[in-house]
């Protein structure tokens, strides 16, 4: 069991379900790895790509470190007064639109330099 998987298992039920689903989606990409940094899970390939941040209202925010450089054609990334980072907040597993999210993750992977 990885440190990220251990971290996820310690979360409250709702956050655990959301984070597990997002974790599984991220790891569908080749060469994607994860580590706990700053007490939360980060995903990277060549550089840090994104992280999963539990939020107070029992949700999880998926934040892309170079979010300001992503096209956001889907209109779901929010910067929330951050200059570079943009994210998507989820409050239930049912809110995760996998097709749309995979498009955003793929764009972030391409931006990272691995086509």
N, C-alpha and C. Protein backbone atom coordinates (compact mmCIF):
# COMPACT_ATOMS: atom_id res chain seq x y z
N UNK A 1 0.85 -1.18 0.00
CA UNK A 1 0.00 0.00 0.00
C UNK A 1 0.89 1.24 0.00
N UNK A 2 0.58 2.19 -0.88
CA UNK A 2 1.37 3.41 -0.97
C UNK A 2 0.97 4.39 0.13
N UNK A 3 1.79 5.40 0.31
CA UNK A 3 1.48 6.43 1.31
C UNK A 3 0.21 7.19 0.93
N UNK A 4 -0.04 7.35 -0.36
CA UNK A 4 -1.26 8.03 -0.81
C UNK A 4 -2.48 7.18 -0.50
N UNK A 5 -2.39 5.88 -0.74
CA UNK A 5 -3.52 5.00 -0.44
C UNK A 5 -3.81 4.98 1.06
N UNK A 6 -2.77 4.98 1.88
CA UNK A 6 -2.95 5.04 3.33
C UNK A 6 -3.62 6.34 3.74
N UNK A 7 -3.18 7.43 3.12
CA UNK A 7 -3.76 8.74 3.40
C UNK A 7 -5.27 8.73 3.09
N UNK A 8 -5.63 8.21 1.93
CA UNK A 8 -7.03 8.18 1.51
C UNK A 8 -7.88 7.36 2.48
N UNK A 9 -7.36 6.25 2.96
CA UNK A 9 -8.11 5.39 3.88
C UNK A 9 -8.41 6.06 5.21
N UNK A 10 -7.65 7.07 5.58
CA UNK A 10 -7.85 7.78 6.85
C UNK A 10 -8.92 8.87 6.78
N UNK A 11 -9.40 9.18 5.60
CA UNK A 11 -10.36 10.27 5.43
C UNK A 11 -11.77 9.84 5.81
N UNK A 12 -12.65 10.82 6.13
CA UNK A 12 -14.07 10.50 6.34
C UNK A 12 -14.65 9.88 5.06
N UNK A 13 -15.70 9.09 5.21
CA UNK A 13 -16.28 8.28 4.13
C UNK A 13 -16.48 9.04 2.81
N UNK A 14 -17.15 10.18 2.84
CA UNK A 14 -17.45 10.90 1.61
C UNK A 14 -16.17 11.37 0.91
N UNK A 15 -15.26 11.96 1.67
CA UNK A 15 -14.00 12.41 1.08
C UNK A 15 -13.18 11.23 0.58
N UNK A 16 -13.22 10.12 1.30
CA UNK A 16 -12.48 8.92 0.89
C UNK A 16 -12.99 8.42 -0.46
N UNK A 17 -14.31 8.36 -0.64
CA UNK A 17 -14.87 7.88 -1.90
C UNK A 17 -14.48 8.79 -3.07
N UNK A 18 -14.60 10.09 -2.84
CA UNK A 18 -14.25 11.05 -3.91
C UNK A 18 -12.77 10.94 -4.25
N UNK A 19 -11.93 10.99 -3.22
CA UNK A 19 -10.49 10.98 -3.44
C UNK A 19 -10.04 9.67 -4.06
N UNK A 20 -10.64 8.56 -3.67
CA UNK A 20 -10.27 7.26 -4.26
C UNK A 20 -10.60 7.24 -5.75
N UNK A 21 -11.76 7.77 -6.11
CA UNK A 21 -12.14 7.79 -7.53
C UNK A 21 -11.21 8.68 -8.33
N UNK A 22 -10.88 9.85 -7.81
CA UNK A 22 -9.96 10.77 -8.50
C UNK A 22 -8.56 10.16 -8.59
N UNK A 23 -8.13 9.52 -7.54
CA UNK A 23 -6.83 8.83 -7.51
C UNK A 23 -6.78 7.77 -8.61
N UNK A 24 -7.83 6.95 -8.69
CA UNK A 24 -7.88 5.90 -9.70
C UNK A 24 -7.86 6.47 -11.11
N UNK A 25 -8.56 7.58 -11.34
CA UNK A 25 -8.56 8.21 -12.67
C UNK A 25 -7.17 8.73 -13.02
N UNK A 26 -6.51 9.36 -12.06
CA UNK A 26 -5.19 9.90 -12.33
C UNK A 26 -4.21 8.80 -12.71
N UNK A 27 -4.32 7.66 -12.05
CA UNK A 27 -3.36 6.58 -12.30
C UNK A 27 -3.65 5.80 -13.58
N UNK A 28 -4.70 6.17 -14.32
CA UNK A 28 -4.92 5.55 -15.62
C UNK A 28 -3.93 6.08 -16.66
N UNK A 29 -3.26 7.18 -16.34
CA UNK A 29 -2.30 7.76 -17.27
C UNK A 29 -0.93 7.13 -17.07
N UNK A 30 -0.28 6.73 -18.16
CA UNK A 30 1.04 6.11 -18.06
C UNK A 30 2.05 7.03 -17.37
N UNK A 31 2.94 6.42 -16.61
CA UNK A 31 4.03 7.11 -15.91
C UNK A 31 3.56 8.09 -14.84
N UNK A 32 2.29 8.03 -14.46
CA UNK A 32 1.79 8.90 -13.40
C UNK A 32 2.18 8.30 -12.06
N UNK A 33 2.74 9.12 -11.21
CA UNK A 33 3.09 8.67 -9.87
C UNK A 33 2.48 9.63 -8.85
N UNK A 34 2.44 9.19 -7.62
CA UNK A 34 1.85 9.99 -6.56
C UNK A 34 2.70 9.92 -5.30
N UNK A 35 2.75 11.02 -4.59
CA UNK A 35 3.45 11.10 -3.31
C UNK A 35 2.71 12.08 -2.42
N UNK A 36 2.86 11.88 -1.13
CA UNK A 36 2.32 12.85 -0.19
C UNK A 36 3.34 13.98 -0.05
N UNK A 37 2.88 15.18 -0.33
CA UNK A 37 3.69 16.39 -0.19
C UNK A 37 2.80 17.42 0.51
N UNK A 38 3.38 18.16 1.43
CA UNK A 38 2.61 19.17 2.16
C UNK A 38 1.34 18.57 2.79
N UNK A 39 1.45 17.31 3.18
CA UNK A 39 0.39 16.56 3.87
C UNK A 39 -0.82 16.24 3.01
N UNK A 40 -0.70 16.32 1.67
CA UNK A 40 -1.78 15.95 0.76
C UNK A 40 -1.19 15.20 -0.45
N UNK A 41 -2.02 14.44 -1.19
CA UNK A 41 -1.51 13.69 -2.35
C UNK A 41 -1.24 14.59 -3.57
N UNK A 42 -0.04 14.45 -4.11
CA UNK A 42 0.34 15.13 -5.35
C UNK A 42 0.56 14.06 -6.41
N UNK A 43 0.23 14.40 -7.66
CA UNK A 43 0.44 13.51 -8.79
C UNK A 43 1.41 14.20 -9.75
N UNK A 44 2.33 13.41 -10.27
CA UNK A 44 3.29 14.01 -11.19
C UNK A 44 3.79 12.99 -12.20
N UNK A 45 4.35 13.54 -13.25
CA UNK A 45 5.06 12.76 -14.26
C UNK A 45 6.46 13.38 -14.36
N UNK A 46 6.60 14.37 -15.19
CA UNK A 46 7.88 15.07 -15.27
C UNK A 46 7.97 16.10 -14.14
N UNK A 47 6.87 16.81 -13.93
CA UNK A 47 6.76 17.79 -12.84
C UNK A 47 5.44 17.56 -12.12
N UNK A 48 5.23 18.27 -11.02
CA UNK A 48 3.96 18.17 -10.32
C UNK A 48 2.84 18.61 -11.24
N UNK A 49 1.83 17.79 -11.35
CA UNK A 49 0.72 18.05 -12.26
C UNK A 49 -0.49 18.59 -11.51
N UNK A 50 -0.86 17.89 -10.44
CA UNK A 50 -2.04 18.28 -9.68
C UNK A 50 -1.98 17.69 -8.28
N UNK A 51 -2.92 18.10 -7.45
CA UNK A 51 -3.01 17.55 -6.11
C UNK A 51 -4.47 17.45 -5.69
N UNK A 52 -4.72 16.62 -4.69
CA UNK A 52 -6.05 16.43 -4.13
C UNK A 52 -6.07 17.06 -2.75
N UNK A 53 -6.98 18.00 -2.55
CA UNK A 53 -7.04 18.74 -1.31
C UNK A 53 -8.41 18.57 -0.64
N UNK A 54 -8.46 17.91 0.53
CA UNK A 54 -9.74 17.83 1.23
C UNK A 54 -10.18 19.24 1.63
N UNK A 55 -11.44 19.55 1.44
CA UNK A 55 -11.94 20.87 1.82
C UNK A 55 -12.94 20.75 2.97
N UNK A 56 -13.11 21.83 3.69
CA UNK A 56 -13.87 21.83 4.94
C UNK A 56 -15.27 21.28 4.82
N UNK A 57 -15.94 21.54 3.74
CA UNK A 57 -17.34 21.13 3.61
C UNK A 57 -17.49 19.68 3.16
N UNK A 58 -16.55 18.82 3.59
CA UNK A 58 -16.60 17.38 3.33
C UNK A 58 -16.45 17.04 1.85
N UNK A 59 -15.75 17.88 1.11
CA UNK A 59 -15.51 17.63 -0.30
C UNK A 59 -14.02 17.50 -0.57
N UNK A 60 -13.68 17.46 -1.85
CA UNK A 60 -12.29 17.35 -2.30
C UNK A 60 -12.11 18.28 -3.49
N UNK A 61 -11.04 19.05 -3.48
CA UNK A 61 -10.71 19.88 -4.64
C UNK A 61 -9.53 19.25 -5.37
N UNK A 62 -9.72 19.04 -6.67
CA UNK A 62 -8.65 18.58 -7.55
C UNK A 62 -8.04 19.84 -8.16
N UNK A 63 -6.79 20.13 -7.80
CA UNK A 63 -6.14 21.37 -8.23
C UNK A 63 -5.01 21.08 -9.21
N UNK A 64 -5.01 21.80 -10.30
CA UNK A 64 -3.96 21.68 -11.31
C UNK A 64 -2.97 22.81 -11.12
N UNK A 65 -1.70 22.46 -10.94
CA UNK A 65 -0.68 23.46 -10.62
C UNK A 65 -0.49 24.48 -11.74
N UNK A 66 -0.68 24.07 -12.98
CA UNK A 66 -0.57 25.00 -14.11
C UNK A 66 -1.97 25.26 -14.69
N UNK A 67 -2.94 25.33 -13.81
CA UNK A 67 -4.34 25.49 -14.21
C UNK A 67 -4.60 26.73 -15.05
N UNK A 68 -3.87 27.80 -14.79
CA UNK A 68 -4.07 29.03 -15.55
C UNK A 68 -3.65 28.86 -17.01
N UNK A 69 -2.85 27.84 -17.31
CA UNK A 69 -2.40 27.59 -18.67
C UNK A 69 -3.30 26.61 -19.42
N UNK A 70 -4.23 25.99 -18.71
CA UNK A 70 -5.15 25.05 -19.35
C UNK A 70 -6.26 25.84 -20.06
N UNK A 71 -6.82 25.26 -21.12
CA UNK A 71 -7.82 25.96 -21.93
C UNK A 71 -9.12 26.21 -21.17
N UNK A 72 -9.48 25.30 -20.28
CA UNK A 72 -10.74 25.35 -19.53
C UNK A 72 -11.94 25.46 -20.48
N UNK A 73 -11.87 24.77 -21.61
CA UNK A 73 -12.99 24.75 -22.56
C UNK A 73 -14.25 24.22 -21.91
N UNK A 74 -14.10 23.38 -20.91
CA UNK A 74 -15.24 22.78 -20.23
C UNK A 74 -15.89 23.77 -19.25
N UNK A 75 -15.16 24.81 -18.88
CA UNK A 75 -15.68 25.85 -18.00
C UNK A 75 -15.85 25.43 -16.55
N UNK A 76 -15.14 24.40 -16.11
CA UNK A 76 -15.32 23.94 -14.73
C UNK A 76 -14.13 24.21 -13.82
N UNK A 77 -13.02 24.68 -14.37
CA UNK A 77 -11.86 25.00 -13.54
C UNK A 77 -12.03 26.39 -12.94
N UNK A 78 -11.82 26.50 -11.64
CA UNK A 78 -11.94 27.79 -10.96
C UNK A 78 -10.60 28.15 -10.32
N UNK A 79 -10.17 29.40 -10.52
CA UNK A 79 -8.90 29.85 -9.95
C UNK A 79 -9.06 30.31 -8.50
N UNK A 80 -10.23 30.80 -8.12
CA UNK A 80 -10.48 31.26 -6.74
C UNK A 80 -9.39 32.20 -6.24
N UNK A 81 -9.11 33.23 -7.02
CA UNK A 81 -8.10 34.26 -6.68
C UNK A 81 -6.66 33.74 -6.64
N UNK A 82 -6.40 32.60 -7.24
CA UNK A 82 -5.04 32.08 -7.35
C UNK A 82 -4.52 32.43 -8.73
N UNK A 83 -3.24 32.73 -8.82
CA UNK A 83 -2.66 33.16 -10.09
C UNK A 83 -2.36 32.01 -11.05
N UNK A 84 -1.91 30.88 -10.52
CA UNK A 84 -1.52 29.77 -11.39
C UNK A 84 -2.41 28.55 -11.24
N UNK A 85 -2.80 28.24 -10.03
CA UNK A 85 -3.56 27.03 -9.73
C UNK A 85 -5.04 27.23 -10.04
N UNK A 86 -5.64 26.22 -10.64
CA UNK A 86 -7.09 26.20 -10.86
C UNK A 86 -7.58 24.81 -10.50
N UNK A 87 -8.80 24.75 -9.97
CA UNK A 87 -9.28 23.46 -9.51
C UNK A 87 -10.76 23.24 -9.70
N UNK A 88 -11.17 22.03 -9.36
CA UNK A 88 -12.56 21.61 -9.44
C UNK A 88 -12.91 21.01 -8.08
N UNK A 89 -13.99 21.49 -7.48
CA UNK A 89 -14.42 20.96 -6.18
C UNK A 89 -15.53 19.94 -6.39
N UNK A 90 -15.40 18.83 -5.68
CA UNK A 90 -16.41 17.77 -5.72
C UNK A 90 -16.91 17.51 -4.31
N UNK A 91 -18.23 17.31 -4.20
CA UNK A 91 -18.84 17.04 -2.89
C UNK A 91 -19.49 15.67 -2.83
N UNK A 92 -19.50 14.97 -3.97
CA UNK A 92 -19.95 13.58 -4.01
C UNK A 92 -19.32 12.91 -5.23
N UNK A 93 -19.22 11.60 -5.19
CA UNK A 93 -18.65 10.84 -6.31
C UNK A 93 -19.52 11.03 -7.55
N UNK A 94 -20.82 11.18 -7.37
CA UNK A 94 -21.74 11.32 -8.50
C UNK A 94 -21.48 12.59 -9.32
N UNK A 95 -20.83 13.59 -8.74
CA UNK A 95 -20.54 14.83 -9.45
C UNK A 95 -19.39 14.69 -10.45
N UNK A 96 -18.61 13.63 -10.33
CA UNK A 96 -17.43 13.47 -11.18
C UNK A 96 -17.85 13.01 -12.57
N UNK A 97 -17.70 13.90 -13.54
CA UNK A 97 -17.96 13.59 -14.94
C UNK A 97 -16.63 13.11 -15.52
N UNK A 98 -16.47 11.80 -15.59
CA UNK A 98 -15.19 11.22 -15.97
C UNK A 98 -14.71 11.67 -17.35
N UNK A 99 -15.58 11.71 -18.31
CA UNK A 99 -15.18 12.09 -19.67
C UNK A 99 -14.60 13.50 -19.68
N UNK A 100 -15.29 14.43 -19.06
CA UNK A 100 -14.83 15.81 -19.01
C UNK A 100 -13.53 15.92 -18.22
N UNK A 101 -13.47 15.25 -17.09
CA UNK A 101 -12.28 15.32 -16.26
C UNK A 101 -11.07 14.70 -16.96
N UNK A 102 -11.27 13.61 -17.66
CA UNK A 102 -10.17 12.99 -18.40
C UNK A 102 -9.64 13.91 -19.49
N UNK A 103 -10.50 14.72 -20.10
CA UNK A 103 -10.06 15.71 -21.09
C UNK A 103 -9.12 16.72 -20.44
N UNK A 104 -9.49 17.19 -19.26
CA UNK A 104 -8.68 18.18 -18.55
C UNK A 104 -7.35 17.57 -18.11
N UNK A 105 -7.39 16.37 -17.56
CA UNK A 105 -6.16 15.71 -17.13
C UNK A 105 -5.25 15.47 -18.32
N UNK A 106 -5.82 15.04 -19.44
CA UNK A 106 -5.01 14.80 -20.64
C UNK A 106 -4.33 16.09 -21.10
N UNK A 107 -5.04 17.20 -21.06
CA UNK A 107 -4.45 18.48 -21.44
C UNK A 107 -3.30 18.84 -20.49
N UNK A 108 -3.49 18.60 -19.20
CA UNK A 108 -2.44 18.88 -18.21
C UNK A 108 -1.22 17.99 -18.46
N UNK A 109 -1.46 16.73 -18.83
CA UNK A 109 -0.36 15.81 -19.13
C UNK A 109 0.40 16.31 -20.36
N UNK A 110 -0.32 16.74 -21.38
CA UNK A 110 0.35 17.26 -22.59
C UNK A 110 1.15 18.52 -22.27
N UNK A 111 0.60 19.36 -21.42
CA UNK A 111 1.30 20.58 -21.00
C UNK A 111 2.57 20.22 -20.23
N UNK A 112 2.54 19.12 -19.53
CA UNK A 112 3.70 18.67 -18.76
C UNK A 112 4.84 18.17 -19.66
N UNK A 113 4.53 17.92 -20.93
CA UNK A 113 5.60 17.56 -21.85
C UNK A 113 5.66 16.10 -22.25
N UNK A 114 4.65 15.32 -21.90
CA UNK A 114 4.61 13.92 -22.30
C UNK A 114 3.42 13.71 -23.22
N UNK A 115 3.65 13.69 -24.48
CA UNK A 115 2.55 13.50 -25.44
C UNK A 115 2.19 12.05 -25.57
